[in-house]
Amino acid sequence: MSLPKEARVAAIRDALEAAFTPSELEVRDDSHRHAGHAGARDGRGHFDVRIVSKAFAGMTPLARHRAVYAALGDLMTTDIHALSIRAEG
């Protein structure tokens, strides 16, 4: 079951903070830019994440993205339709 729209950014932020203790974290809801998009009809949102964490040091970009997806867990299937990630170590 998905969260109310206004709670999604907070849930994403909470999950990423718990997993990575970032020194910088920006989470933006870009869902309004995709209104009417076929993939957004199910109610899930489009988000942009910029995260800086020592946890990413030595990881490839692909490994960083996989780590972010893992940290978000069920949110990826219940609340997030598309996710733009900029993860730095």
PDB file of N, CA and C in Angstrom:
ATOM      1  N   MET A   1       0.836  -1.168   0.000  1.00  0.00           N
ATOM      2  CA  MET A   1       0.000   0.000   0.000  1.00  0.00           C
ATOM      3  C   MET A   1       0.890   1.243   0.000  1.00  0.00           C
ATOM      4  N   SER A   2       0.539   2.219  -0.810  1.00  0.00           N
ATOM      5  CA  SER A   2       1.375   3.408  -0.913  1.00  0.00           C
ATOM      6  C   SER A   2       1.034   4.436   0.160  1.00  0.00           C
ATOM      7  N   LEU A   3       1.981   5.309   0.392  1.00  0.00           N
ATOM      8  CA  LEU A   3       1.842   6.383   1.375  1.00  0.00           C
ATOM      9  C   LEU A   3       1.076   7.554   0.768  1.00  0.00           C
ATOM     10  N   PRO A   4       0.526   8.426   1.625  1.00  0.00           N
ATOM     11  CA  PRO A   4      -0.035   9.667   1.083  1.00  0.00           C
ATOM     12  C   PRO A   4       1.072  10.434   0.359  1.00  0.00           C
ATOM     13  N   LYS A   5       0.728  11.135  -0.686  1.00  0.00           N
ATOM     14  CA  LYS A   5       1.709  11.826  -1.515  1.00  0.00           C
ATOM     15  C   LYS A   5       2.653  12.705  -0.695  1.00  0.00           C
ATOM     16  N   GLU A   6       2.130  13.432   0.275  1.00  0.00           N
ATOM     17  CA  GLU A   6       2.946  14.357   1.057  1.00  0.00           C
ATOM     18  C   GLU A   6       3.926  13.646   1.995  1.00  0.00           C
ATOM     19  N   ALA A   7       3.726  12.367   2.238  1.00  0.00           N
ATOM     20  CA  ALA A   7       4.607  11.609   3.143  1.00  0.00           C
ATOM     21  C   ALA A   7       5.746  10.895   2.407  1.00  0.00           C
ATOM     22  N   ARG A   8       5.686  10.862   1.099  1.00  0.00           N
ATOM     23  CA  ARG A   8       6.669  10.093   0.331  1.00  0.00           C
ATOM     24  C   ARG A   8       8.085  10.631   0.449  1.00  0.00           C
ATOM     25  N   VAL A   9       8.270  11.936   0.321  1.00  0.00           N
ATOM     26  CA  VAL A   9       9.616  12.517   0.410  1.00  0.00           C
ATOM     27  C   VAL A   9      10.208  12.230   1.782  1.00  0.00           C
ATOM     28  N   ALA A  10       9.412  12.373   2.828  1.00  0.00           N
ATOM     29  CA  ALA A  10       9.892  12.099   4.192  1.00  0.00           C
ATOM     30  C   ALA A  10      10.284  10.636   4.344  1.00  0.00           C
ATOM     31  N   ALA A  11       9.515   9.725   3.776  1.00  0.00           N
ATOM     32  CA  ALA A  11       9.830   8.297   3.875  1.00  0.00           C
ATOM     33  C   ALA A  11      11.124   7.969   3.125  1.00  0.00           C
ATOM     34  N   ILE A  12      11.307   8.573   1.958  1.00  0.00           N
ATOM     35  CA  ILE A  12      12.539   8.368   1.191  1.00  0.00           C
ATOM     36  C   ILE A  12      13.726   8.912   1.975  1.00  0.00           C
ATOM     37  N   ARG A  13      13.581  10.121   2.476  1.00  0.00           N
ATOM     38  CA  ARG A  13      14.646  10.751   3.266  1.00  0.00           C
ATOM     39  C   ARG A  13      14.997   9.895   4.486  1.00  0.00           C
ATOM     40  N   ASP A  14      13.992   9.451   5.220  1.00  0.00           N
ATOM     41  CA  ASP A  14      14.224   8.637   6.425  1.00  0.00           C
ATOM     42  C   ASP A  14      14.985   7.350   6.092  1.00  0.00           C
ATOM     43  N   ALA A  15      14.584   6.682   5.016  1.00  0.00           N
ATOM     44  CA  ALA A  15      15.232   5.422   4.634  1.00  0.00           C
ATOM     45  C   ALA A  15      16.688   5.644   4.252  1.00  0.00           C
ATOM     46  N   LEU A  16      16.962   6.692   3.502  1.00  0.00           N
ATOM     47  CA  LEU A  16      18.327   6.963   3.062  1.00  0.00           C
ATOM     48  C   LEU A  16      19.208   7.442   4.214  1.00  0.00           C
ATOM     49  N   GLU A  17      18.651   8.251   5.100  1.00  0.00           N
ATOM     50  CA  GLU A  17      19.422   8.690   6.267  1.00  0.00           C
ATOM     51  C   GLU A  17      19.784   7.510   7.162  1.00  0.00           C
ATOM     52  N   ALA A  18      18.850   6.597   7.355  1.00  0.00           N
ATOM     53  CA  ALA A  18      19.099   5.428   8.201  1.00  0.00           C
ATOM     54  C   ALA A  18      20.164   4.512   7.593  1.00  0.00           C
ATOM     55  N   ALA A  19      20.149   4.370   6.283  1.00  0.00           N
ATOM     56  CA  ALA A  19      21.074   3.446   5.619  1.00  0.00           C
ATOM     57  C   ALA A  19      22.476   4.019   5.414  1.00  0.00           C
ATOM     58  N   PHE A  20      22.572   5.330   5.167  1.00  0.00           N
ATOM     59  CA  PHE A  20      23.853   5.883   4.727  1.00  0.00           C
ATOM     60  C   PHE A  20      24.433   7.006   5.589  1.00  0.00           C
ATOM     61  N   THR A  21      23.693   7.526   6.549  1.00  0.00           N
ATOM     62  CA  THR A  21      24.137   8.661   7.357  1.00  0.00           C
ATOM     63  C   THR A  21      24.820   9.705   6.456  1.00  0.00           C
ATOM     64  N   PRO A  22      24.094  10.247   5.508  1.00  0.00           N
ATOM     65  CA  PRO A  22      24.704  11.137   4.532  1.00  0.00           C
ATOM     66  C   PRO A  22      25.136  12.484   5.121  1.00  0.00           C
ATOM     67  N   SER A  23      26.182  13.058   4.520  1.00  0.00           N
ATOM     68  CA  SER A  23      26.586  14.412   4.890  1.00  0.00           C
ATOM     69  C   SER A  23      25.747  15.434   4.131  1.00  0.00           C
ATOM     70  N   GLU A  24      25.189  15.010   2.993  1.00  0.00           N
ATOM     71  CA  GLU A  24      24.271  15.841   2.216  1.00  0.00           C
ATOM     72  C   GLU A  24      23.180  14.940   1.652  1.00  0.00           C
ATOM     73  N   LEU A  25      21.956  15.447   1.667  1.00  0.00           N
ATOM     74  CA  LEU A  25      20.848  14.683   1.107  1.00  0.00           C
ATOM     75  C   LEU A  25      19.776  15.648   0.617  1.00  0.00           C
ATOM     76  N   GLU A  26      19.450  15.528  -0.651  1.00  0.00           N
ATOM     77  CA  GLU A  26      18.371  16.298  -1.254  1.00  0.00           C
ATOM     78  C   GLU A  26      17.405  15.313  -1.892  1.00  0.00           C
ATOM     79  N   VAL A  27      16.132  15.458  -1.577  1.00  0.00           N
ATOM     80  CA  VAL A  27      15.097  14.615  -2.177  1.00  0.00           C
ATOM     81  C   VAL A  27      14.034  15.554  -2.734  1.00  0.00           C
ATOM     82  N   ARG A  28      13.783  15.435  -4.032  1.00  0.00           N
ATOM     83  CA  ARG A  28      12.805  16.304  -4.681  1.00  0.00           C
ATOM     84  C   ARG A  28      11.723  15.458  -5.351  1.00  0.00           C
ATOM     85  N   ASP A  29      10.489  15.844  -5.156  1.00  0.00           N
ATOM     86  CA  ASP A  29       9.357  15.185  -5.805  1.00  0.00           C
ATOM     87  C   ASP A  29       9.099  15.896  -7.129  1.00  0.00           C
ATOM     88  N   ASP A  30       9.356  15.205  -8.229  1.00  0.00           N
ATOM     89  CA  ASP A  30       9.143  15.750  -9.564  1.00  0.00           C
ATOM     90  C   ASP A  30       7.878  15.192 -10.217  1.00  0.00           C
ATOM     91  N   SER A  31       7.001  14.618  -9.435  1.00  0.00           N
ATOM     92  CA  SER A  31       5.813  13.960  -9.977  1.00  0.00           C
ATOM     93  C   SER A  31       4.954  14.902 -10.811  1.00  0.00           C
ATOM     94  N   HIS A  32       4.868  16.155 -10.400  1.00  0.00           N
ATOM     95  CA  HIS A  32       4.047  17.123 -11.130  1.00  0.00           C
ATOM     96  C   HIS A  32       4.516  17.307 -12.574  1.00  0.00           C
ATOM     97  N   ARG A  33       5.778  17.042 -12.814  1.00  0.00           N
ATOM     98  CA  ARG A  33       6.334  17.191 -14.159  1.00  0.00           C
ATOM     99  C   ARG A  33       5.960  16.018 -15.066  1.00  0.00           C
ATOM    100  N   HIS A  34       5.354  14.987 -14.493  1.00  0.00           N
ATOM    101  CA  HIS A  34       5.041  13.777 -15.246  1.00  0.00           C
ATOM    102  C   HIS A  34       3.545  13.463 -15.236  1.00  0.00           C
ATOM    103  N   ALA A  35       2.732  14.453 -14.910  1.00  0.00           N
ATOM    104  CA  ALA A  35       1.278  14.254 -14.884  1.00  0.00           C
ATOM    105  C   ALA A  35       0.806  13.766 -16.248  1.00  0.00           C
ATOM    106  N   GLY A  36       0.008  12.722 -16.240  1.00  0.00           N
ATOM    107  CA  GLY A  36      -0.506  12.152 -17.472  1.00  0.00           C
ATOM    108  C   GLY A  36       0.409  11.127 -18.115  1.00  0.00           C
ATOM    109  N   HIS A  37       1.633  11.013 -17.619  1.00  0.00           N
ATOM    110  CA  HIS A  37       2.595  10.032 -18.123  1.00  0.00           C
ATOM    111  C   HIS A  37       2.028   8.633 -17.887  1.00  0.00           C
ATOM    112  N   ALA A  38       2.087   7.787 -18.883  1.00  0.00           N
ATOM    113  CA  ALA A  38       1.487   6.450 -18.782  1.00  0.00           C
ATOM    114  C   ALA A  38       1.984   5.684 -17.558  1.00  0.00           C
ATOM    115  N   GLY A  39       3.261   5.781 -17.249  1.00  0.00           N
ATOM    116  CA  GLY A  39       3.816   5.047 -16.119  1.00  0.00           C
ATOM    117  C   GLY A  39       3.443   5.605 -14.772  1.00  0.00           C
ATOM    118  N   ALA A  40       2.916   6.836 -14.739  1.00  0.00           N
ATOM    119  CA  ALA A  40       2.561   7.470 -13.463  1.00  0.00           C
ATOM    120  C   ALA A  40       1.095   7.286 -13.115  1.00  0.00           C
ATOM    121  N   ARG A  41       0.336   6.650 -13.966  1.00  0.00           N
ATOM    122  CA  ARG A  41      -1.101   6.485 -13.732  1.00  0.00           C
ATOM    123  C   ARG A  41      -1.424   5.622 -12.525  1.00  0.00           C
ATOM    124  N   ASP A  42      -0.465   4.810 -12.084  1.00  0.00           N
ATOM    125  CA  ASP A  42      -0.723   3.944 -10.932  1.00  0.00           C
ATOM    126  C   ASP A  42      -0.594   4.694  -9.612  1.00  0.00           C
ATOM    127  N   GLY A  43      -0.266   5.984  -9.664  1.00  0.00           N
ATOM    128  CA  GLY A  43      -0.193   6.798  -8.457  1.00  0.00           C
ATOM    129  C   GLY A  43       1.180   6.915  -7.834  1.00  0.00           C
ATOM    130  N   ARG A  44       2.141   6.122  -8.316  1.00  0.00           N
ATOM    131  CA  ARG A  44       3.498   6.226  -7.769  1.00  0.00           C
ATOM    132  C   ARG A  44       4.171   7.473  -8.336  1.00  0.00           C
ATOM    133  N   GLY A  45       5.203   7.963  -7.639  1.00  0.00           N
ATOM    134  CA  GLY A  45       5.800   9.232  -8.007  1.00  0.00           C
ATOM    135  C   GLY A  45       7.149   9.158  -8.690  1.00  0.00           C
ATOM    136  N   HIS A  46       7.577  10.320  -9.168  1.00  0.00           N
ATOM    137  CA  HIS A  46       8.881  10.528  -9.792  1.00  0.00           C
ATOM    138  C   HIS A  46       9.716  11.367  -8.830  1.00  0.00           C
ATOM    139  N   PHE A  47      10.907  10.902  -8.511  1.00  0.00           N
ATOM    140  CA  PHE A  47      11.739  11.586  -7.520  1.00  0.00           C
ATOM    141  C   PHE A  47      13.164  11.750  -8.003  1.00  0.00           C
ATOM    142  N   ASP A  48      13.812  12.786  -7.484  1.00  0.00           N
ATOM    143  CA  ASP A  48      15.209  13.076  -7.769  1.00  0.00           C
ATOM    144  C   ASP A  48      15.949  13.074  -6.431  1.00  0.00           C
ATOM    145  N   VAL A  49      17.037  12.301  -6.341  1.00  0.00           N
ATOM    146  CA  VAL A  49      17.814  12.194  -5.102  1.00  0.00           C
ATOM    147  C   VAL A  49      19.270  12.550  -5.376  1.00  0.00           C
ATOM    148  N   ARG A  50      19.812  13.404  -4.538  1.00  0.00           N
ATOM    149  CA  ARG A  50      21.254  13.674  -4.523  1.00  0.00           C
ATOM    150  C   ARG A  50      21.722  13.351  -3.113  1.00  0.00           C
ATOM    151  N   ILE A  51      22.667  12.424  -3.018  1.00  0.00           N
ATOM    152  CA  ILE A  51      23.131  11.966  -1.714  1.00  0.00           C
ATOM    153  C   ILE A  51      24.656  11.860  -1.708  1.00  0.00           C
ATOM    154  N   VAL A  52      25.251  12.349  -0.639  1.00  0.00           N
ATOM    155  CA  VAL A  52      26.695  12.264  -0.440  1.00  0.00           C
ATOM    156  C   VAL A  52      26.922  11.521   0.871  1.00  0.00           C
ATOM    157  N   SER A  53      27.684  10.431   0.802  1.00  0.00           N
ATOM    158  CA  SER A  53      27.931   9.626   1.994  1.00  0.00           C
ATOM    159  C   SER A  53      29.259   8.899   1.886  1.00  0.00           C
ATOM    160  N   LYS A  54      29.950   8.797   2.995  1.00  0.00           N
ATOM    161  CA  LYS A  54      31.192   8.025   3.037  1.00  0.00           C
ATOM    162  C   LYS A  54      30.930   6.551   2.717  1.00  0.00           C
ATOM    163  N   ALA A  55      29.699   6.111   2.914  1.00  0.00           N
ATOM    164  CA  ALA A  55      29.347   4.718   2.645  1.00  0.00           C
ATOM    165  C   ALA A  55      29.538   4.347   1.171  1.00  0.00           C
ATOM    166  N   PHE A  56      29.534   5.344   0.292  1.00  0.00           N
ATOM    167  CA  PHE A  56      29.687   5.092  -1.138  1.00  0.00           C
ATOM    168  C   PHE A  56      31.144   5.068  -1.594  1.00  0.00           C
ATOM    169  N   ALA A  57      32.063   5.404  -0.722  1.00  0.00           N
ATOM    170  CA  ALA A  57      33.483   5.449  -1.091  1.00  0.00           C
ATOM    171  C   ALA A  57      33.931   4.096  -1.645  1.00  0.00           C
ATOM    172  N   GLY A  58      34.588   4.123  -2.784  1.00  0.00           N
ATOM    173  CA  GLY A  58      35.095   2.906  -3.396  1.00  0.00           C
ATOM    174  C   GLY A  58      34.068   2.106  -4.182  1.00  0.00           C
ATOM    175  N   MET A  59      32.824   2.536  -4.203  1.00  0.00           N
ATOM    176  CA  MET A  59      31.774   1.830  -4.935  1.00  0.00           C
ATOM    177  C   MET A  59      31.659   2.383  -6.353  1.00  0.00           C
ATOM    178  N   THR A  60      31.342   1.522  -7.284  1.00  0.00           N
ATOM    179  CA  THR A  60      31.069   1.969  -8.650  1.00  0.00           C
ATOM    180  C   THR A  60      29.712   2.682  -8.662  1.00  0.00           C
ATOM    181  N   PRO A  61      29.463   3.484  -9.679  1.00  0.00           N
ATOM    182  CA  PRO A  61      28.142   4.128  -9.762  1.00  0.00           C
ATOM    183  C   PRO A  61      26.995   3.118  -9.733  1.00  0.00           C
ATOM    184  N   LEU A  62      27.155   1.998 -10.416  1.00  0.00           N
ATOM    185  CA  LEU A  62      26.109   0.977 -10.415  1.00  0.00           C
ATOM    186  C   LEU A  62      25.886   0.420  -9.006  1.00  0.00           C
ATOM    187  N   ALA A  63      26.950   0.157  -8.290  1.00  0.00           N
ATOM    188  CA  ALA A  63      26.827  -0.352  -6.914  1.00  0.00           C
ATOM    189  C   ALA A  63      26.153   0.675  -6.012  1.00  0.00           C
ATOM    190  N   ARG A  64      26.442   1.950  -6.222  1.00  0.00           N
ATOM    191  CA  ARG A  64      25.797   3.009  -5.428  1.00  0.00           C
ATOM    192  C   ARG A  64      24.300   3.018  -5.681  1.00  0.00           C
ATOM    193  N   HIS A  65      23.913   2.921  -6.952  1.00  0.00           N
ATOM    194  CA  HIS A  65      22.489   2.908  -7.290  1.00  0.00           C
ATOM    195  C   HIS A  65      21.799   1.684  -6.690  1.00  0.00           C
ATOM    196  N   ARG A  66      22.438   0.552  -6.792  1.00  0.00           N
ATOM    197  CA  ARG A  66      21.847  -0.666  -6.214  1.00  0.00           C
ATOM    198  C   ARG A  66      21.688  -0.532  -4.707  1.00  0.00           C
ATOM    199  N   ALA A  67      22.656   0.096  -4.050  1.00  0.00           N
ATOM    200  CA  ALA A  67      22.578   0.295  -2.603  1.00  0.00           C
ATOM    201  C   ALA A  67      21.410   1.220  -2.247  1.00  0.00           C
ATOM    202  N   VAL A  68      21.204   2.253  -3.044  1.00  0.00           N
ATOM    203  CA  VAL A  68      20.079   3.164  -2.807  1.00  0.00           C
ATOM    204  C   VAL A  68      18.759   2.422  -2.999  1.00  0.00           C
ATOM    205  N   TYR A  69      18.646   1.664  -4.091  1.00  0.00           N
ATOM    206  CA  TYR A  69      17.428   0.885  -4.321  1.00  0.00           C
ATOM    207  C   TYR A  69      17.162  -0.075  -3.157  1.00  0.00           C
ATOM    208  N   ALA A  70      18.190  -0.732  -2.685  1.00  0.00           N
ATOM    209  CA  ALA A  70      18.027  -1.672  -1.565  1.00  0.00           C
ATOM    210  C   ALA A  70      17.580  -0.946  -0.312  1.00  0.00           C
ATOM    211  N   ALA A  71      18.140   0.224  -0.058  1.00  0.00           N
ATOM    212  CA  ALA A  71      17.763   0.987   1.134  1.00  0.00           C
ATOM    213  C   ALA A  71      16.305   1.441   1.074  1.00  0.00           C
ATOM    214  N   LEU A  72      15.816   1.705  -0.128  1.00  0.00           N
ATOM    215  CA  LEU A  72      14.432   2.153  -0.274  1.00  0.00           C
ATOM    216  C   LEU A  72      13.442   0.994  -0.224  1.00  0.00           C
ATOM    217  N   GLY A  73      13.925  -0.216  -0.429  1.00  0.00           N
ATOM    218  CA  GLY A  73      13.107  -1.416  -0.259  1.00  0.00           C
ATOM    219  C   GLY A  73      11.748  -1.346  -0.929  1.00  0.00           C
ATOM    220  N   ASP A  74      10.702  -1.575  -0.150  1.00  0.00           N
ATOM    221  CA  ASP A  74       9.336  -1.638  -0.672  1.00  0.00           C
ATOM    222  C   ASP A  74       8.854  -0.333  -1.280  1.00  0.00           C
ATOM    223  N   LEU A  75       9.446   0.790  -0.890  1.00  0.00           N
ATOM    224  CA  LEU A  75       9.038   2.066  -1.489  1.00  0.00           C
ATOM    225  C   LEU A  75       9.199   2.038  -3.011  1.00  0.00           C
ATOM    226  N   MET A  76      10.158   1.236  -3.480  1.00  0.00           N
ATOM    227  CA  MET A  76      10.391   1.139  -4.920  1.00  0.00           C
ATOM    228  C   MET A  76       9.209   0.493  -5.649  1.00  0.00           C
ATOM    229  N   THR A  77       8.429  -0.294  -4.969  1.00  0.00           N
ATOM    230  CA  THR A  77       7.289  -0.942  -5.626  1.00  0.00           C
ATOM    231  C   THR A  77       5.950  -0.330  -5.222  1.00  0.00           C
ATOM    232  N   THR A  78       5.927   0.399  -4.110  1.00  0.00           N
ATOM    233  CA  THR A  78       4.651   0.949  -3.649  1.00  0.00           C
ATOM    234  C   THR A  78       4.495   2.440  -3.912  1.00  0.00           C
ATOM    235  N   ASP A  79       5.584   3.202  -3.904  1.00  0.00           N
ATOM    236  CA  ASP A  79       5.482   4.658  -3.969  1.00  0.00           C
ATOM    237  C   ASP A  79       6.334   5.327  -5.040  1.00  0.00           C
ATOM    238  N   ILE A  80       7.360   4.650  -5.525  1.00  0.00           N
ATOM    239  CA  ILE A  80       8.282   5.269  -6.480  1.00  0.00           C
ATOM    240  C   ILE A  80       8.130   4.616  -7.845  1.00  0.00           C
ATOM    241  N   HIS A  81       7.801   5.439  -8.841  1.00  0.00           N
ATOM    242  CA  HIS A  81       7.735   4.938 -10.220  1.00  0.00           C
ATOM    243  C   HIS A  81       9.079   5.156 -10.914  1.00  0.00           C
ATOM    244  N   ALA A  82       9.666   6.339 -10.697  1.00  0.00           N
ATOM    245  CA  ALA A  82      10.946   6.678 -11.330  1.00  0.00           C
ATOM    246  C   ALA A  82      11.823   7.408 -10.320  1.00  0.00           C
ATOM    247  N   LEU A  83      13.116   7.104 -10.382  1.00  0.00           N
ATOM    248  CA  LEU A  83      14.048   7.671  -9.422  1.00  0.00           C
ATOM    249  C   LEU A  83      15.343   8.054 -10.130  1.00  0.00           C
ATOM    250  N   SER A  84      15.669   9.342 -10.063  1.00  0.00           N
ATOM    251  CA  SER A  84      16.937   9.840 -10.578  1.00  0.00           C
ATOM    252  C   SER A  84      17.883   9.916  -9.387  1.00  0.00           C
ATOM    253  N   ILE A  85      19.065   9.298  -9.516  1.00  0.00           N
ATOM    254  CA  ILE A  85      20.002   9.215  -8.387  1.00  0.00           C
ATOM    255  C   ILE A  85      21.340   9.820  -8.757  1.00  0.00           C
ATOM    256  N   ARG A  86      21.835  10.705  -7.896  1.00  0.00           N
ATOM    257  CA  ARG A  86      23.215  11.179  -7.956  1.00  0.00           C
ATOM    258  C   ARG A  86      23.812  10.854  -6.604  1.00  0.00           C
ATOM    259  N   ALA A  87      24.610   9.808  -6.548  1.00  0.00           N
ATOM    260  CA  ALA A  87      25.206   9.337  -5.298  1.00  0.00           C
ATOM    261  C   ALA A  87      26.720   9.519  -5.362  1.00  0.00           C
ATOM    262  N   GLU A  88      27.248  10.205  -4.348  1.00  0.00           N
ATOM    263  CA  GLU A  88      28.675  10.508  -4.318  1.00  0.00           C
ATOM    264  C   GLU A  88      29.280  10.011  -3.013  1.00  0.00           C
ATOM    265  N   GLY A  89      30.558   9.609  -3.098  1.00  0.00           N
ATOM    266  CA  GLY A  89      31.248   9.102  -1.920  1.00  0.00           C
ATOM    267  C   GLY A  89      32.110  10.111  -1.232  1.00  0.00           C
TER     268      GLY A  89
END
